[in-house]
PDB file of N, CA and C in Angstrom:
ATOM      1  N   MET A   1      84.156 169.806 124.545  1.00  0.00           N
ATOM      2  CA  MET A   1      84.944 169.627 125.646  1.00  0.00           C
ATOM      3  C   MET A   1      85.272 168.292 125.538  1.00  0.00           C
ATOM      4  N   ILE A   2      86.380 167.578 125.582  1.00  0.00           N
ATOM      5  CA  ILE A   2      86.703 166.413 125.988  1.00  0.00           C
ATOM      6  C   ILE A   2      87.072 166.506 127.665  1.00  0.00           C
ATOM      7  N   GLU A   3      86.387 164.998 128.143  1.00  0.00           N
ATOM      8  CA  GLU A   3      86.739 164.814 129.413  1.00  0.00           C
ATOM      9  C   GLU A   3      87.217 163.508 129.737  1.00  0.00           C
ATOM     10  N   LEU A   4      88.238 163.412 130.293  1.00  0.00           N
ATOM     11  CA  LEU A   4      89.274 162.131 130.507  1.00  0.00           C
ATOM     12  C   LEU A   4      89.320 161.886 131.949  1.00  0.00           C
ATOM     13  N   THR A   5      89.373 160.942 132.514  1.00  0.00           N
ATOM     14  CA  THR A   5      89.769 160.531 133.838  1.00  0.00           C
ATOM     15  C   THR A   5      91.344 159.342 133.612  1.00  0.00           C
ATOM     16  N   LEU A   6      92.398 159.793 134.294  1.00  0.00           N
ATOM     17  CA  LEU A   6      93.799 159.342 134.211  1.00  0.00           C
ATOM     18  C   LEU A   6      94.093 158.895 135.351  1.00  0.00           C
ATOM     19  N   PRO A   7      93.611 157.391 135.969  1.00  0.00           N
ATOM     20  CA  PRO A   7      93.794 157.099 137.139  1.00  0.00           C
ATOM     21  C   PRO A   7      95.106 156.870 137.475  1.00  0.00           C
ATOM     22  N   ASP A   8      96.249 157.096 136.673  1.00  0.00           N
ATOM     23  CA  ASP A   8      97.584 156.877 136.683  1.00  0.00           C
ATOM     24  C   ASP A   8      98.184 158.433 137.014  1.00  0.00           C
ATOM     25  N   MET A   9      97.662 159.105 136.918  1.00  0.00           N
ATOM     26  CA  MET A   9      98.020 160.716 136.869  1.00  0.00           C
ATOM     27  C   MET A   9      98.015 161.132 138.237  1.00  0.00           C
ATOM     28  N   THR A  10      99.036 161.030 139.076  1.00  0.00           N
ATOM     29  CA  THR A  10      99.191 160.991 140.568  1.00  0.00           C
ATOM     30  C   THR A  10     100.290 162.307 140.996  1.00  0.00           C
ATOM     31  N   CYS A  11     100.962 162.973 140.101  1.00  0.00           N
ATOM     32  CA  CYS A  11     101.769 163.730 140.835  1.00  0.00           C
ATOM     33  C   CYS A  11     102.018 164.886 139.929  1.00  0.00           C
ATOM     34  N   GLY A  12     102.762 165.838 140.259  1.00  0.00           N
ATOM     35  CA  GLY A  12     103.500 167.038 139.121  1.00  0.00           C
ATOM     36  C   GLY A  12     104.085 166.567 138.021  1.00  0.00           C
ATOM     37  N   HIS A  13     104.785 165.723 137.891  1.00  0.00           N
ATOM     38  CA  HIS A  13     105.383 165.323 137.143  1.00  0.00           C
ATOM     39  C   HIS A  13     104.583 164.502 135.948  1.00  0.00           C
ATOM     40  N   CYS A  14     103.859 164.033 136.538  1.00  0.00           N
ATOM     41  CA  CYS A  14     102.587 163.416 135.638  1.00  0.00           C
ATOM     42  C   CYS A  14     101.555 164.555 134.967  1.00  0.00           C
ATOM     43  N   VAL A  15     101.165 165.592 135.620  1.00  0.00           N
ATOM     44  CA  VAL A  15     100.434 166.698 135.154  1.00  0.00           C
ATOM     45  C   VAL A  15     101.513 167.540 134.011  1.00  0.00           C
ATOM     46  N   LYS A  16     102.638 167.384 134.204  1.00  0.00           N
ATOM     47  CA  LYS A  16     103.252 168.381 132.979  1.00  0.00           C
ATOM     48  C   LYS A  16     103.506 167.198 131.963  1.00  0.00           C
ATOM     49  N   THR A  17     103.694 165.939 132.046  1.00  0.00           N
ATOM     50  CA  THR A  17     103.538 164.994 130.904  1.00  0.00           C
ATOM     51  C   THR A  17     102.198 165.053 130.156  1.00  0.00           C
ATOM     52  N   VAL A  18     101.255 164.962 131.041  1.00  0.00           N
ATOM     53  CA  VAL A  18      99.543 165.021 130.152  1.00  0.00           C
ATOM     54  C   VAL A  18      99.505 166.349 129.471  1.00  0.00           C
ATOM     55  N   THR A  19     100.120 167.344 129.878  1.00  0.00           N
ATOM     56  CA  THR A  19     100.025 168.473 129.408  1.00  0.00           C
ATOM     57  C   THR A  19     100.932 168.863 128.195  1.00  0.00           C
ATOM     58  N   GLU A  20     102.170 168.474 128.098  1.00  0.00           N
ATOM     59  CA  GLU A  20     102.763 168.128 126.930  1.00  0.00           C
ATOM     60  C   GLU A  20     102.103 167.351 125.922  1.00  0.00           C
ATOM     61  N   THR A  21     101.917 166.312 126.500  1.00  0.00           N
ATOM     62  CA  THR A  21     101.244 165.306 125.503  1.00  0.00           C
ATOM     63  C   THR A  21      99.929 166.037 124.547  1.00  0.00           C
ATOM     64  N   VAL A  22      99.097 166.767 125.297  1.00  0.00           N
ATOM     65  CA  VAL A  22      97.938 167.218 124.959  1.00  0.00           C
ATOM     66  C   VAL A  22      98.368 168.330 123.712  1.00  0.00           C
ATOM     67  N   LYS A  23      99.233 169.240 124.236  1.00  0.00           N
ATOM     68  CA  LYS A  23      99.821 169.836 123.362  1.00  0.00           C
ATOM     69  C   LYS A  23     100.542 169.694 122.202  1.00  0.00           C
ATOM     70  N   ARG A  24     100.826 168.436 122.379  1.00  0.00           N
ATOM     71  CA  ARG A  24     101.571 167.854 120.963  1.00  0.00           C
ATOM     72  C   ARG A  24     100.668 167.826 120.084  1.00  0.00           C
ATOM     73  N   ILE A  25      99.485 167.120 120.322  1.00  0.00           N
ATOM     74  CA  ILE A  25      98.328 166.523 119.696  1.00  0.00           C
ATOM     75  C   ILE A  25      97.756 167.870 119.142  1.00  0.00           C
ATOM     76  N   ASP A  26      97.408 168.928 119.802  1.00  0.00           N
ATOM     77  CA  ASP A  26      96.830 170.028 119.602  1.00  0.00           C
ATOM     78  C   ASP A  26      97.810 171.183 119.954  1.00  0.00           C
ATOM     79  N   PRO A  27      98.632 172.066 119.569  1.00  0.00           N
ATOM     80  CA  PRO A  27      98.968 173.014 120.266  1.00  0.00           C
ATOM     81  C   PRO A  27      98.339 174.206 121.018  1.00  0.00           C
ATOM     82  N   ALA A  28      96.833 174.250 120.220  1.00  0.00           N
ATOM     83  CA  ALA A  28      96.239 175.437 120.566  1.00  0.00           C
ATOM     84  C   ALA A  28      95.185 175.312 121.746  1.00  0.00           C
ATOM     85  N   ALA A  29      95.005 173.726 122.278  1.00  0.00           N
ATOM     86  CA  ALA A  29      94.160 172.988 123.211  1.00  0.00           C
ATOM     87  C   ALA A  29      94.389 173.520 124.441  1.00  0.00           C
ATOM     88  N   THR A  30      93.454 173.526 125.085  1.00  0.00           N
ATOM     89  CA  THR A  30      93.802 174.488 126.679  1.00  0.00           C
ATOM     90  C   THR A  30      93.073 173.384 127.649  1.00  0.00           C
ATOM     91  N   PRO A  31      94.160 172.412 128.083  1.00  0.00           N
ATOM     92  CA  PRO A  31      94.098 171.294 128.849  1.00  0.00           C
ATOM     93  C   PRO A  31      93.792 172.056 130.436  1.00  0.00           C
ATOM     94  N   GLN A  32      92.497 171.421 131.008  1.00  0.00           N
ATOM     95  CA  GLN A  32      92.505 171.955 132.619  1.00  0.00           C
ATOM     96  C   GLN A  32      92.817 170.768 133.396  1.00  0.00           C
ATOM     97  N   ILE A  33      93.468 170.383 134.270  1.00  0.00           N
ATOM     98  CA  ILE A  33      93.872 169.277 135.037  1.00  0.00           C
ATOM     99  C   ILE A  33      93.330 169.436 136.262  1.00  0.00           C
ATOM    100  N   ASP A  34      92.996 168.324 136.931  1.00  0.00           N
ATOM    101  CA  ASP A  34      92.454 168.278 138.281  1.00  0.00           C
ATOM    102  C   ASP A  34      93.288 167.084 138.906  1.00  0.00           C
ATOM    103  N   LEU A  35      94.196 167.410 139.573  1.00  0.00           N
ATOM    104  CA  LEU A  35      95.296 166.032 139.874  1.00  0.00           C
ATOM    105  C   LEU A  35      94.640 165.319 140.921  1.00  0.00           C
ATOM    106  N   ALA A  36      93.672 165.856 141.712  1.00  0.00           N
ATOM    107  CA  ALA A  36      92.921 165.325 143.243  1.00  0.00           C
ATOM    108  C   ALA A  36      91.974 164.255 142.260  1.00  0.00           C
ATOM    109  N   THR A  37      91.292 164.391 141.236  1.00  0.00           N
ATOM    110  CA  THR A  37      90.321 163.629 140.933  1.00  0.00           C
ATOM    111  C   THR A  37      90.827 162.787 139.486  1.00  0.00           C
ATOM    112  N   HIS A  38      92.198 162.994 139.228  1.00  0.00           N
ATOM    113  CA  HIS A  38      92.500 162.160 138.102  1.00  0.00           C
ATOM    114  C   HIS A  38      91.957 162.843 136.929  1.00  0.00           C
ATOM    115  N   ARG A  39      91.563 164.005 136.509  1.00  0.00           N
ATOM    116  CA  ARG A  39      90.538 164.055 135.531  1.00  0.00           C
ATOM    117  C   ARG A  39      91.370 165.413 134.701  1.00  0.00           C
ATOM    118  N   VAL A  40      90.905 165.038 133.491  1.00  0.00           N
ATOM    119  CA  VAL A  40      91.638 166.350 132.670  1.00  0.00           C
ATOM    120  C   VAL A  40      90.392 166.647 131.701  1.00  0.00           C
ATOM    121  N   ARG A  41      90.540 168.028 131.370  1.00  0.00           N
ATOM    122  CA  ARG A  41      89.340 168.662 130.270  1.00  0.00           C
ATOM    123  C   ARG A  41      90.034 169.161 129.226  1.00  0.00           C
ATOM    124  N   ILE A  42      89.418 168.953 128.380  1.00  0.00           N
ATOM    125  CA  ILE A  42      90.523 169.635 126.799  1.00  0.00           C
ATOM    126  C   ILE A  42      89.487 169.663 126.124  1.00  0.00           C
ATOM    127  N   GLU A  43      90.101 171.231 125.872  1.00  0.00           N
ATOM    128  CA  GLU A  43      89.009 172.069 125.005  1.00  0.00           C
ATOM    129  C   GLU A  43      89.909 172.237 123.597  1.00  0.00           C
ATOM    130  N   SER A  44      89.424 171.306 122.512  1.00  0.00           N
ATOM    131  CA  SER A  44      90.151 171.282 121.118  1.00  0.00           C
ATOM    132  C   SER A  44      89.321 170.981 120.291  1.00  0.00           C
ATOM    133  N   SER A  45      89.638 170.993 118.945  1.00  0.00           N
ATOM    134  CA  SER A  45      88.868 170.461 117.797  1.00  0.00           C
ATOM    135  C   SER A  45      89.481 169.182 117.364  1.00  0.00           C
ATOM    136  N   GLN A  46      90.266 168.664 118.212  1.00  0.00           N
ATOM    137  CA  GLN A  46      90.544 167.150 117.452  1.00  0.00           C
ATOM    138  C   GLN A  46      90.040 166.285 118.228  1.00  0.00           C
ATOM    139  N   PRO A  47      89.649 165.129 117.410  1.00  0.00           N
ATOM    140  CA  PRO A  47      88.845 163.969 118.285  1.00  0.00           C
ATOM    141  C   PRO A  47      89.509 163.287 119.640  1.00  0.00           C
ATOM    142  N   ALA A  48      88.506 163.196 120.228  1.00  0.00           N
ATOM    143  CA  ALA A  48      89.114 162.268 121.792  1.00  0.00           C
ATOM    144  C   ALA A  48      89.982 161.172 121.344  1.00  0.00           C
ATOM    145  N   GLU A  49      89.764 160.649 120.740  1.00  0.00           N
ATOM    146  CA  GLU A  49      90.338 159.347 120.204  1.00  0.00           C
ATOM    147  C   GLU A  49      91.890 159.717 120.152  1.00  0.00           C
ATOM    148  N   ALA A  50      92.097 160.780 119.496  1.00  0.00           N
ATOM    149  CA  ALA A  50      93.782 160.896 119.254  1.00  0.00           C
ATOM    150  C   ALA A  50      94.341 161.380 120.658  1.00  0.00           C
ATOM    151  N   PHE A  51      93.797 162.178 121.584  1.00  0.00           N
ATOM    152  CA  PHE A  51      94.243 162.273 122.977  1.00  0.00           C
ATOM    153  C   PHE A  51      94.328 161.082 123.593  1.00  0.00           C
ATOM    154  N   LYS A  52      93.487 160.009 123.348  1.00  0.00           N
ATOM    155  CA  LYS A  52      93.469 158.560 124.502  1.00  0.00           C
ATOM    156  C   LYS A  52      94.298 158.131 124.048  1.00  0.00           C
ATOM    157  N   LYS A  53      94.572 157.929 122.341  1.00  0.00           N
ATOM    158  CA  LYS A  53      95.766 156.867 122.065  1.00  0.00           C
ATOM    159  C   LYS A  53      97.080 157.832 122.627  1.00  0.00           C
ATOM    160  N   ALA A  54      97.450 158.929 122.541  1.00  0.00           N
ATOM    161  CA  ALA A  54      98.776 159.372 122.799  1.00  0.00           C
ATOM    162  C   ALA A  54      99.056 159.538 124.289  1.00  0.00           C
ATOM    163  N   LEU A  55      97.876 159.602 125.353  1.00  0.00           N
ATOM    164  CA  LEU A  55      98.010 159.466 126.738  1.00  0.00           C
ATOM    165  C   LEU A  55      98.212 158.157 126.993  1.00  0.00           C
ATOM    166  N   ALA A  56      97.750 157.217 126.509  1.00  0.00           N
ATOM    167  CA  ALA A  56      97.997 155.680 126.755  1.00  0.00           C
ATOM    168  C   ALA A  56      99.386 155.627 126.025  1.00  0.00           C
ATOM    169  N   GLU A  57     100.025 155.733 125.206  1.00  0.00           N
ATOM    170  CA  GLU A  57     101.265 155.590 124.657  1.00  0.00           C
ATOM    171  C   GLU A  57     102.267 156.320 125.860  1.00  0.00           C
ATOM    172  N   GLU A  58     101.864 157.433 126.475  1.00  0.00           N
ATOM    173  CA  GLU A  58     102.613 157.787 127.556  1.00  0.00           C
ATOM    174  C   GLU A  58     102.253 157.185 128.908  1.00  0.00           C
ATOM    175  N   GLY A  59     101.639 156.104 128.830  1.00  0.00           N
ATOM    176  CA  GLY A  59     101.458 155.531 130.187  1.00  0.00           C
ATOM    177  C   GLY A  59     100.221 155.809 131.241  1.00  0.00           C
ATOM    178  N   TYR A  60      99.353 156.903 130.489  1.00  0.00           N
ATOM    179  CA  TYR A  60      98.021 157.442 131.532  1.00  0.00           C
ATOM    180  C   TYR A  60      96.587 156.906 130.508  1.00  0.00           C
ATOM    181  N   ALA A  61      96.743 155.648 130.622  1.00  0.00           N
ATOM    182  CA  ALA A  61      95.487 155.048 129.708  1.00  0.00           C
ATOM    183  C   ALA A  61      94.381 155.850 130.619  1.00  0.00           C
ATOM    184  N   PRO A  62      93.239 156.270 129.996  1.00  0.00           N
ATOM    185  CA  PRO A  62      92.315 156.694 130.364  1.00  0.00           C
ATOM    186  C   PRO A  62      91.277 155.684 130.457  1.00  0.00           C
ATOM    187  N   ALA A  63      90.471 155.769 131.801  1.00  0.00           N
ATOM    188  CA  ALA A  63      89.702 154.726 132.178  1.00  0.00           C
ATOM    189  C   ALA A  63      88.192 154.852 131.827  1.00  0.00           C
TER     190      ALA A  63
END
């Protein structure tokens, strides 16, 4: 399980973008997003760095 805090994730559109980004890296991933705490949990066999890099490129750099 990968857990990331994304301080710039603040709305429903952000949630959609984060979900699409996670699915682009691993279509089988199951992201669980908590908008109130700005956290995303990702169940995936892909390395955390792949998600961190892709999310940062979309404007959601993990803290």
